[in-house]
Amino acid sequence: YAKHGLLMCLTSRVGSGRIVRSPGLTKRGFVAGDNL
């Protein structure tokens, strides 16, 4: 993210449930993938 501006989407491998976007993730350029 710092060197290339590459954005990240955070999801889970467990197969169910939401991922939420915390203030820390927002600062780090992460997008929360909800329950996708």
PDB file of all heavy atoms in Angstrom:
ATOM      1  N   TYR A   1       0.830  -1.201   0.000  1.00  0.00           N
ATOM      2  CA  TYR A   1       0.000   0.000   0.000  1.00  0.00           C
ATOM      3  C   TYR A   1       0.867   1.254   0.000  1.00  0.00           C
ATOM      4  O   TYR A   1       0.623   2.196  -0.764  1.00  0.00           O
ATOM      5  CB  TYR A   1      -0.915  -0.018   1.221  1.00  0.00           C
ATOM      6  CG  TYR A   1      -1.792   1.196   1.379  1.00  0.00           C
ATOM      7  CD1 TYR A   1      -2.666   1.581   0.364  1.00  0.00           C
ATOM      8  CD2 TYR A   1      -1.759   1.958   2.546  1.00  0.00           C
ATOM      9  CE1 TYR A   1      -3.481   2.695   0.513  1.00  0.00           C
ATOM     10  CE2 TYR A   1      -2.571   3.067   2.707  1.00  0.00           C
ATOM     11  CZ  TYR A   1      -3.429   3.431   1.677  1.00  0.00           C
ATOM     12  OH  TYR A   1      -4.223   4.545   1.827  1.00  0.00           O
ATOM     13  N   ALA A   2       1.902   1.258   0.830  1.00  0.00           N
ATOM     14  CA  ALA A   2       2.764   2.436   0.936  1.00  0.00           C
ATOM     15  C   ALA A   2       3.564   2.683  -0.341  1.00  0.00           C
ATOM     16  O   ALA A   2       3.708   3.829  -0.790  1.00  0.00           O
ATOM     17  CB  ALA A   2       3.710   2.278   2.128  1.00  0.00           C
ATOM     18  N   LYS A   3       4.099   1.619  -0.950  1.00  0.00           N
ATOM     19  CA  LYS A   3       4.972   1.771  -2.118  1.00  0.00           C
ATOM     20  C   LYS A   3       4.217   1.878  -3.440  1.00  0.00           C
ATOM     21  O   LYS A   3       4.653   2.567  -4.366  1.00  0.00           O
ATOM     22  CB  LYS A   3       5.940   0.592  -2.189  1.00  0.00           C
ATOM     23  CG  LYS A   3       6.933   0.529  -1.041  1.00  0.00           C
ATOM     24  CD  LYS A   3       7.824  -0.709  -1.161  1.00  0.00           C
ATOM     25  CE  LYS A   3       8.785  -0.815   0.004  1.00  0.00           C
ATOM     26  NZ  LYS A   3       9.605  -2.061  -0.065  1.00  0.00           N
ATOM     27  N   HIS A   4       3.092   1.156  -3.533  1.00  0.00           N
ATOM     28  CA  HIS A   4       2.414   1.058  -4.825  1.00  0.00           C
ATOM     29  C   HIS A   4       0.967   1.536  -4.795  1.00  0.00           C
ATOM     30  O   HIS A   4       0.315   1.548  -5.841  1.00  0.00           O
ATOM     31  CB  HIS A   4       2.449  -0.400  -5.321  1.00  0.00           C
ATOM     32  CG  HIS A   4       3.820  -0.995  -5.358  1.00  0.00           C
ATOM     33  ND1 HIS A   4       4.730  -0.720  -6.361  1.00  0.00           N
ATOM     34  CD2 HIS A   4       4.446  -1.853  -4.509  1.00  0.00           C
ATOM     35  CE1 HIS A   4       5.850  -1.390  -6.138  1.00  0.00           C
ATOM     36  NE2 HIS A   4       5.704  -2.083  -5.017  1.00  0.00           N
ATOM     37  N   GLY A   5       0.473   1.926  -3.647  1.00  0.00           N
ATOM     38  CA  GLY A   5      -0.925   2.325  -3.547  1.00  0.00           C
ATOM     39  C   GLY A   5      -1.886   1.173  -3.768  1.00  0.00           C
ATOM     40  O   GLY A   5      -3.057   1.373  -4.111  1.00  0.00           O
ATOM     41  N   LEU A   6      -1.395  -0.052  -3.577  1.00  0.00           N
ATOM     42  CA  LEU A   6      -2.193  -1.249  -3.815  1.00  0.00           C
ATOM     43  C   LEU A   6      -3.243  -1.389  -2.722  1.00  0.00           C
ATOM     44  O   LEU A   6      -2.914  -1.466  -1.541  1.00  0.00           O
ATOM     45  CB  LEU A   6      -1.284  -2.473  -3.832  1.00  0.00           C
ATOM     46  CG  LEU A   6      -1.844  -3.744  -4.452  1.00  0.00           C
ATOM     47  CD1 LEU A   6      -2.014  -3.583  -5.952  1.00  0.00           C
ATOM     48  CD2 LEU A   6      -0.907  -4.908  -4.169  1.00  0.00           C
ATOM     49  N   LEU A   7      -4.507  -1.425  -3.102  1.00  0.00           N
ATOM     50  CA  LEU A   7      -5.577  -1.536  -2.121  1.00  0.00           C
ATOM     51  C   LEU A   7      -5.829  -2.992  -1.754  1.00  0.00           C
ATOM     52  O   LEU A   7      -5.621  -3.896  -2.554  1.00  0.00           O
ATOM     53  CB  LEU A   7      -6.860  -0.914  -2.670  1.00  0.00           C
ATOM     54  CG  LEU A   7      -6.823   0.599  -2.918  1.00  0.00           C
ATOM     55  CD1 LEU A   7      -8.163   1.078  -3.435  1.00  0.00           C
ATOM     56  CD2 LEU A   7      -6.424   1.369  -1.662  1.00  0.00           C
ATOM     57  N   MET A   8      -6.289  -3.194  -0.541  1.00  0.00           N
ATOM     58  CA  MET A   8      -6.543  -4.525  -0.022  1.00  0.00           C
ATOM     59  C   MET A   8      -8.017  -4.646   0.367  1.00  0.00           C
ATOM     60  O   MET A   8      -8.598  -3.712   0.906  1.00  0.00           O
ATOM     61  CB  MET A   8      -5.702  -4.803   1.231  1.00  0.00           C
ATOM     62  CG  MET A   8      -4.252  -4.423   1.108  1.00  0.00           C
ATOM     63  SD  MET A   8      -3.390  -5.396  -0.129  1.00  0.00           S
ATOM     64  CE  MET A   8      -1.895  -4.396  -0.281  1.00  0.00           C
ATOM     65  N   CYS A   9      -8.585  -5.801   0.117  1.00  0.00           N
ATOM     66  CA  CYS A   9      -9.933  -6.117   0.575  1.00  0.00           C
ATOM     67  C   CYS A   9      -9.834  -7.273   1.547  1.00  0.00           C
ATOM     68  O   CYS A   9      -9.312  -8.340   1.206  1.00  0.00           O
ATOM     69  CB  CYS A   9     -10.829  -6.478  -0.609  1.00  0.00           C
ATOM     70  SG  CYS A   9     -12.484  -6.998  -0.109  1.00  0.00           S
ATOM     71  N   LEU A  10     -10.338  -7.083   2.742  1.00  0.00           N
ATOM     72  CA  LEU A  10     -10.225  -8.092   3.781  1.00  0.00           C
ATOM     73  C   LEU A  10     -11.493  -8.947   3.816  1.00  0.00           C
ATOM     74  O   LEU A  10     -12.608  -8.443   3.964  1.00  0.00           O
ATOM     75  CB  LEU A  10     -10.020  -7.418   5.136  1.00  0.00           C
ATOM     76  CG  LEU A  10      -9.464  -8.289   6.265  1.00  0.00           C
ATOM     77  CD1 LEU A  10      -8.077  -8.804   5.916  1.00  0.00           C
ATOM     78  CD2 LEU A  10      -9.411  -7.485   7.565  1.00  0.00           C
ATOM     79  N   THR A  11     -11.308 -10.248   3.658  1.00  0.00           N
ATOM     80  CA  THR A  11     -12.399 -11.215   3.774  1.00  0.00           C
ATOM     81  C   THR A  11     -11.946 -12.334   4.703  1.00  0.00           C
ATOM     82  O   THR A  11     -10.841 -12.296   5.240  1.00  0.00           O
ATOM     83  CB  THR A  11     -12.788 -11.807   2.404  1.00  0.00           C
ATOM     84  OG1 THR A  11     -11.695 -12.597   1.904  1.00  0.00           O
ATOM     85  CG2 THR A  11     -13.129 -10.715   1.403  1.00  0.00           C
ATOM     86  N   SER A  12     -12.801 -13.331   4.872  1.00  0.00           N
ATOM     87  CA  SER A  12     -12.466 -14.443   5.746  1.00  0.00           C
ATOM     88  C   SER A  12     -12.520 -15.762   4.989  1.00  0.00           C
ATOM     89  O   SER A  12     -13.311 -15.924   4.060  1.00  0.00           O
ATOM     90  CB  SER A  12     -13.432 -14.501   6.935  1.00  0.00           C
ATOM     91  OG  SER A  12     -13.171 -15.639   7.730  1.00  0.00           O
ATOM     92  N   ARG A  13     -11.700 -16.709   5.428  1.00  0.00           N
ATOM     93  CA  ARG A  13     -11.702 -18.039   4.827  1.00  0.00           C
ATOM     94  C   ARG A  13     -12.760 -18.955   5.448  1.00  0.00           C
ATOM     95  O   ARG A  13     -12.948 -20.076   4.983  1.00  0.00           O
ATOM     96  CB  ARG A  13     -10.319 -18.683   4.996  1.00  0.00           C
ATOM     97  CG  ARG A  13      -9.979 -19.054   6.428  1.00  0.00           C
ATOM     98  CD  ARG A  13      -8.611 -19.659   6.590  1.00  0.00           C
ATOM     99  NE  ARG A  13      -8.472 -20.292   7.896  1.00  0.00           N
ATOM    100  CZ  ARG A  13      -7.382 -20.917   8.323  1.00  0.00           C
ATOM    101  NH1 ARG A  13      -6.317 -20.992   7.549  1.00  0.00           N
ATOM    102  NH2 ARG A  13      -7.353 -21.479   9.513  1.00  0.00           N
ATOM    103  N   VAL A  14     -13.476 -18.497   6.493  1.00  0.00           N
ATOM    104  CA  VAL A  14     -14.348 -19.407   7.237  1.00  0.00           C
ATOM    105  C   VAL A  14     -15.674 -19.693   6.541  1.00  0.00           C
ATOM    106  O   VAL A  14     -16.354 -20.661   6.862  1.00  0.00           O
ATOM    107  CB  VAL A  14     -14.621 -18.903   8.676  1.00  0.00           C
ATOM    108  CG1 VAL A  14     -13.331 -18.682   9.423  1.00  0.00           C
ATOM    109  CG2 VAL A  14     -15.468 -17.636   8.667  1.00  0.00           C
ATOM    110  N   GLY A  15     -16.077 -18.838   5.594  1.00  0.00           N
ATOM    111  CA  GLY A  15     -17.253 -19.131   4.789  1.00  0.00           C
ATOM    112  C   GLY A  15     -18.556 -18.538   5.275  1.00  0.00           C
ATOM    113  O   GLY A  15     -19.602 -18.762   4.666  1.00  0.00           O
ATOM    114  N   SER A  16     -18.530 -17.754   6.357  1.00  0.00           N
ATOM    115  CA  SER A  16     -19.760 -17.167   6.862  1.00  0.00           C
ATOM    116  C   SER A  16     -19.434 -16.012   7.789  1.00  0.00           C
ATOM    117  O   SER A  16     -18.447 -16.056   8.522  1.00  0.00           O
ATOM    118  CB  SER A  16     -20.579 -18.229   7.616  1.00  0.00           C
ATOM    119  OG  SER A  16     -21.780 -17.694   8.107  1.00  0.00           O
ATOM    120  N   GLY A  17     -20.267 -14.971   7.756  1.00  0.00           N
ATOM    121  CA  GLY A  17     -20.089 -13.845   8.672  1.00  0.00           C
ATOM    122  C   GLY A  17     -19.450 -12.630   8.013  1.00  0.00           C
ATOM    123  O   GLY A  17     -18.755 -12.735   7.012  1.00  0.00           O
ATOM    124  N   ARG A  18     -19.684 -11.471   8.644  1.00  0.00           N
ATOM    125  CA  ARG A  18     -19.205 -10.194   8.115  1.00  0.00           C
ATOM    126  C   ARG A  18     -17.771  -9.887   8.544  1.00  0.00           C
ATOM    127  O   ARG A  18     -17.333 -10.287   9.621  1.00  0.00           O
ATOM    128  CB  ARG A  18     -20.076  -9.037   8.612  1.00  0.00           C
ATOM    129  CG  ARG A  18     -21.441  -8.942   7.995  1.00  0.00           C
ATOM    130  CD  ARG A  18     -22.215  -7.771   8.612  1.00  0.00           C
ATOM    131  NE  ARG A  18     -21.572  -6.501   8.321  1.00  0.00           N
ATOM    132  CZ  ARG A  18     -21.311  -5.558   9.234  1.00  0.00           C
ATOM    133  NH1 ARG A  18     -21.588  -5.776  10.510  1.00  0.00           N
ATOM    134  NH2 ARG A  18     -20.751  -4.428   8.879  1.00  0.00           N
ATOM    135  N   ILE A  19     -17.104  -9.140   7.695  1.00  0.00           N
ATOM    136  CA  ILE A  19     -15.845  -8.473   8.055  1.00  0.00           C
ATOM    137  C   ILE A  19     -16.154  -6.990   8.199  1.00  0.00           C
ATOM    138  O   ILE A  19     -16.795  -6.394   7.327  1.00  0.00           O
ATOM    139  CB  ILE A  19     -14.772  -8.679   6.965  1.00  0.00           C
ATOM    140  CG1 ILE A  19     -14.483 -10.160   6.773  1.00  0.00           C
ATOM    141  CG2 ILE A  19     -13.500  -7.928   7.335  1.00  0.00           C
ATOM    142  CD1 ILE A  19     -13.935 -10.863   7.987  1.00  0.00           C
ATOM    143  N   VAL A  20     -15.720  -6.389   9.298  1.00  0.00           N
ATOM    144  CA  VAL A  20     -16.024  -4.981   9.553  1.00  0.00           C
ATOM    145  C   VAL A  20     -14.772  -4.135   9.346  1.00  0.00           C
ATOM    146  O   VAL A  20     -13.649  -4.608   9.503  1.00  0.00           O
ATOM    147  CB  VAL A  20     -16.592  -4.778  10.967  1.00  0.00           C
ATOM    148  CG1 VAL A  20     -17.894  -5.553  11.126  1.00  0.00           C
ATOM    149  CG2 VAL A  20     -15.586  -5.225  12.026  1.00  0.00           C
ATOM    150  N   ARG A  21     -14.989  -2.869   8.997  1.00  0.00           N
ATOM    151  CA  ARG A  21     -13.883  -1.953   8.688  1.00  0.00           C
ATOM    152  C   ARG A  21     -13.587  -1.087   9.917  1.00  0.00           C
ATOM    153  O   ARG A  21     -14.271  -0.114  10.196  1.00  0.00           O
ATOM    154  CB  ARG A  21     -14.242  -1.077   7.493  1.00  0.00           C
ATOM    155  CG  ARG A  21     -13.044  -0.380   6.860  1.00  0.00           C
ATOM    156  CD  ARG A  21     -13.495   0.509   5.732  1.00  0.00           C
ATOM    157  NE  ARG A  21     -12.379   1.007   4.938  1.00  0.00           N
ATOM    158  CZ  ARG A  21     -12.368   2.195   4.346  1.00  0.00           C
ATOM    159  NH1 ARG A  21     -13.421   3.001   4.464  1.00  0.00           N
ATOM    160  NH2 ARG A  21     -11.330   2.572   3.623  1.00  0.00           N
ATOM    161  N   SER A  22     -12.571  -1.457  10.632  1.00  0.00           N
ATOM    162  CA  SER A  22     -12.180  -0.710  11.825  1.00  0.00           C
ATOM    163  C   SER A  22     -11.426   0.558  11.426  1.00  0.00           C
ATOM    164  O   SER A  22     -10.962   0.689  10.286  1.00  0.00           O
ATOM    165  CB  SER A  22     -11.281  -1.573  12.705  1.00  0.00           C
ATOM    166  OG  SER A  22     -10.033  -1.794  12.041  1.00  0.00           O
ATOM    167  N   PRO A  23     -11.266   1.526  12.357  1.00  0.00           N
ATOM    168  CA  PRO A  23     -10.468   2.728  12.048  1.00  0.00           C
ATOM    169  C   PRO A  23      -9.042   2.383  11.615  1.00  0.00           C
ATOM    170  O   PRO A  23      -8.493   3.030  10.719  1.00  0.00           O
ATOM    171  CB  PRO A  23     -10.484   3.496  13.376  1.00  0.00           C
ATOM    172  CG  PRO A  23     -11.737   3.075  14.047  1.00  0.00           C
ATOM    173  CD  PRO A  23     -11.915   1.627  13.674  1.00  0.00           C
ATOM    174  N   GLY A  24      -8.457   1.349  12.237  1.00  0.00           N
ATOM    175  CA  GLY A  24      -7.105   0.961  11.857  1.00  0.00           C
ATOM    176  C   GLY A  24      -7.036   0.445  10.435  1.00  0.00           C
ATOM    177  O   GLY A  24      -6.097   0.767   9.678  1.00  0.00           O
ATOM    178  N   LEU A  25      -8.000  -0.350  10.027  1.00  0.00           N
ATOM    179  CA  LEU A  25      -8.030  -0.859   8.655  1.00  0.00           C
ATOM    180  C   LEU A  25      -8.226   0.280   7.652  1.00  0.00           C
ATOM    181  O   LEU A  25      -7.645   0.269   6.564  1.00  0.00           O
ATOM    182  CB  LEU A  25      -9.148  -1.889   8.489  1.00  0.00           C
ATOM    183  CG  LEU A  25      -8.960  -3.236   9.172  1.00  0.00           C
ATOM    184  CD1 LEU A  25     -10.198  -4.096   8.987  1.00  0.00           C
ATOM    185  CD2 LEU A  25      -7.723  -3.954   8.616  1.00  0.00           C
ATOM    186  N   THR A  26      -9.049   1.250   8.007  1.00  0.00           N
ATOM    187  CA  THR A  26      -9.289   2.390   7.129  1.00  0.00           C
ATOM    188  C   THR A  26      -7.992   3.132   6.849  1.00  0.00           C
ATOM    189  O   THR A  26      -7.682   3.475   5.704  1.00  0.00           O
ATOM    190  CB  THR A  26     -10.320   3.343   7.760  1.00  0.00           C
ATOM    191  OG1 THR A  26     -11.523   2.617   8.035  1.00  0.00           O
ATOM    192  CG2 THR A  26     -10.621   4.503   6.842  1.00  0.00           C
ATOM    193  N   LYS A  27      -7.194   3.384   7.902  1.00  0.00           N
ATOM    194  CA  LYS A  27      -5.915   4.098   7.738  1.00  0.00           C
ATOM    195  C   LYS A  27      -4.938   3.308   6.868  1.00  0.00           C
ATOM    196  O   LYS A  27      -4.105   3.893   6.165  1.00  0.00           O
ATOM    197  CB  LYS A  27      -5.287   4.359   9.104  1.00  0.00           C
ATOM    198  CG  LYS A  27      -6.039   5.374   9.954  1.00  0.00           C
ATOM    199  CD  LYS A  27      -5.371   5.531  11.313  1.00  0.00           C
ATOM    200  CE  LYS A  27      -6.141   6.505  12.191  1.00  0.00           C
ATOM    201  NZ  LYS A  27      -5.543   6.629  13.540  1.00  0.00           N
ATOM    202  N   ARG A  28      -5.039   1.987   6.915  1.00  0.00           N
ATOM    203  CA  ARG A  28      -4.093   1.144   6.176  1.00  0.00           C
ATOM    204  C   ARG A  28      -4.529   0.856   4.742  1.00  0.00           C
ATOM    205  O   ARG A  28      -3.889   0.077   4.042  1.00  0.00           O
ATOM    206  CB  ARG A  28      -3.899  -0.179   6.927  1.00  0.00           C
ATOM    207  CG  ARG A  28      -3.231  -0.007   8.290  1.00  0.00           C
ATOM    208  CD  ARG A  28      -3.255  -1.298   9.070  1.00  0.00           C
ATOM    209  NE  ARG A  28      -2.603  -2.383   8.343  1.00  0.00           N
ATOM    210  CZ  ARG A  28      -2.846  -3.673   8.554  1.00  0.00           C
ATOM    211  NH1 ARG A  28      -3.750  -4.035   9.444  1.00  0.00           N
ATOM    212  NH2 ARG A  28      -2.196  -4.580   7.864  1.00  0.00           N
ATOM    213  N   GLY A  29      -5.633   1.475   4.288  1.00  0.00           N
ATOM    214  CA  GLY A  29      -6.066   1.278   2.912  1.00  0.00           C
ATOM    215  C   GLY A  29      -6.827   0.001   2.670  1.00  0.00           C
ATOM    216  O   GLY A  29      -6.952  -0.448   1.530  1.00  0.00           O
ATOM    217  N   PHE A  30      -7.350  -0.585   3.731  1.00  0.00           N
ATOM    218  CA  PHE A  30      -8.131  -1.812   3.588  1.00  0.00           C
ATOM    219  C   PHE A  30      -9.602  -1.492   3.334  1.00  0.00           C
ATOM    220  O   PHE A  30     -10.149  -0.525   3.860  1.00  0.00           O
ATOM    221  CB  PHE A  30      -8.037  -2.673   4.851  1.00  0.00           C
ATOM    222  CG  PHE A  30      -6.878  -3.620   4.872  1.00  0.00           C
ATOM    223  CD1 PHE A  30      -5.661  -3.232   5.401  1.00  0.00           C
ATOM    224  CD2 PHE A  30      -7.010  -4.901   4.367  1.00  0.00           C
ATOM    225  CE1 PHE A  30      -4.584  -4.111   5.438  1.00  0.00           C
ATOM    226  CE2 PHE A  30      -5.945  -5.790   4.392  1.00  0.00           C
ATOM    227  CZ  PHE A  30      -4.728  -5.389   4.927  1.00  0.00           C
ATOM    228  N   VAL A  31     -10.224  -2.322   2.549  1.00  0.00           N
ATOM    229  CA  VAL A  31     -11.671  -2.313   2.354  1.00  0.00           C
ATOM    230  C   VAL A  31     -12.214  -3.577   3.012  1.00  0.00           C
ATOM    231  O   VAL A  31     -11.635  -4.654   2.868  1.00  0.00           O
ATOM    232  CB  VAL A  31     -12.022  -2.303   0.850  1.00  0.00           C
ATOM    233  CG1 VAL A  31     -13.508  -2.516   0.632  1.00  0.00           C
ATOM    234  CG2 VAL A  31     -11.548  -1.008   0.201  1.00  0.00           C
ATOM    235  N   ALA A  32     -13.310  -3.462   3.735  1.00  0.00           N
ATOM    236  CA  ALA A  32     -13.917  -4.629   4.368  1.00  0.00           C
ATOM    237  C   ALA A  32     -14.895  -5.284   3.405  1.00  0.00           C
ATOM    238  O   ALA A  32     -15.758  -4.618   2.827  1.00  0.00           O
ATOM    239  CB  ALA A  32     -14.639  -4.232   5.653  1.00  0.00           C
ATOM    240  N   GLY A  33     -14.769  -6.598   3.241  1.00  0.00           N
ATOM    241  CA  GLY A  33     -15.547  -7.320   2.244  1.00  0.00           C
ATOM    242  C   GLY A  33     -16.924  -7.754   2.687  1.00  0.00           C
ATOM    243  O   GLY A  33     -17.546  -8.581   2.004  1.00  0.00           O
ATOM    244  N   ASP A  34     -17.425  -7.226   3.825  1.00  0.00           N
ATOM    245  CA  ASP A  34     -18.736  -7.613   4.336  1.00  0.00           C
ATOM    246  C   ASP A  34     -18.762  -9.139   4.512  1.00  0.00           C
ATOM    247  O   ASP A  34     -17.819  -9.713   5.060  1.00  0.00           O
ATOM    248  CB  ASP A  34     -19.847  -7.108   3.411  1.00  0.00           C
ATOM    249  CG  ASP A  34     -21.214  -7.096   4.093  1.00  0.00           C
ATOM    250  OD1 ASP A  34     -21.538  -6.106   4.764  1.00  0.00           O
ATOM    251  OD2 ASP A  34     -21.945  -8.103   3.951  1.00  0.00           O
ATOM    252  N   ASN A  35     -19.801  -9.823   4.028  1.00  0.00           N
ATOM    253  CA  ASN A  35     -19.855 -11.277   4.174  1.00  0.00           C
ATOM    254  C   ASN A  35     -19.597 -11.993   2.847  1.00  0.00           C
ATOM    255  O   ASN A  35     -19.920 -13.176   2.702  1.00  0.00           O
ATOM    256  CB  ASN A  35     -21.196 -11.735   4.765  1.00  0.00           C
ATOM    257  CG  ASN A  35     -22.362 -11.523   3.804  1.00  0.00           C
ATOM    258  OD1 ASN A  35     -22.275 -10.718   2.885  1.00  0.00           O
ATOM    259  ND2 ASN A  35     -23.456 -12.241   4.032  1.00  0.00           N
ATOM    260  N   LEU A  36     -19.009 -11.274   1.882  1.00  0.00           N
ATOM    261  CA  LEU A  36     -18.696 -11.898   0.601  1.00  0.00           C
ATOM    262  C   LEU A  36     -17.561 -12.909   0.752  1.00  0.00           C
ATOM    263  O   LEU A  36     -16.575 -12.650   1.444  1.00  0.00           O
ATOM    264  CB  LEU A  36     -18.293 -10.839  -0.425  1.00  0.00           C
ATOM    265  CG  LEU A  36     -19.412  -9.987  -1.014  1.00  0.00           C
ATOM    266  CD1 LEU A  36     -18.821  -8.879  -1.884  1.00  0.00           C
ATOM    267  CD2 LEU A  36     -20.389 -10.839  -1.819  1.00  0.00           C
TER     268      LEU A  36
END
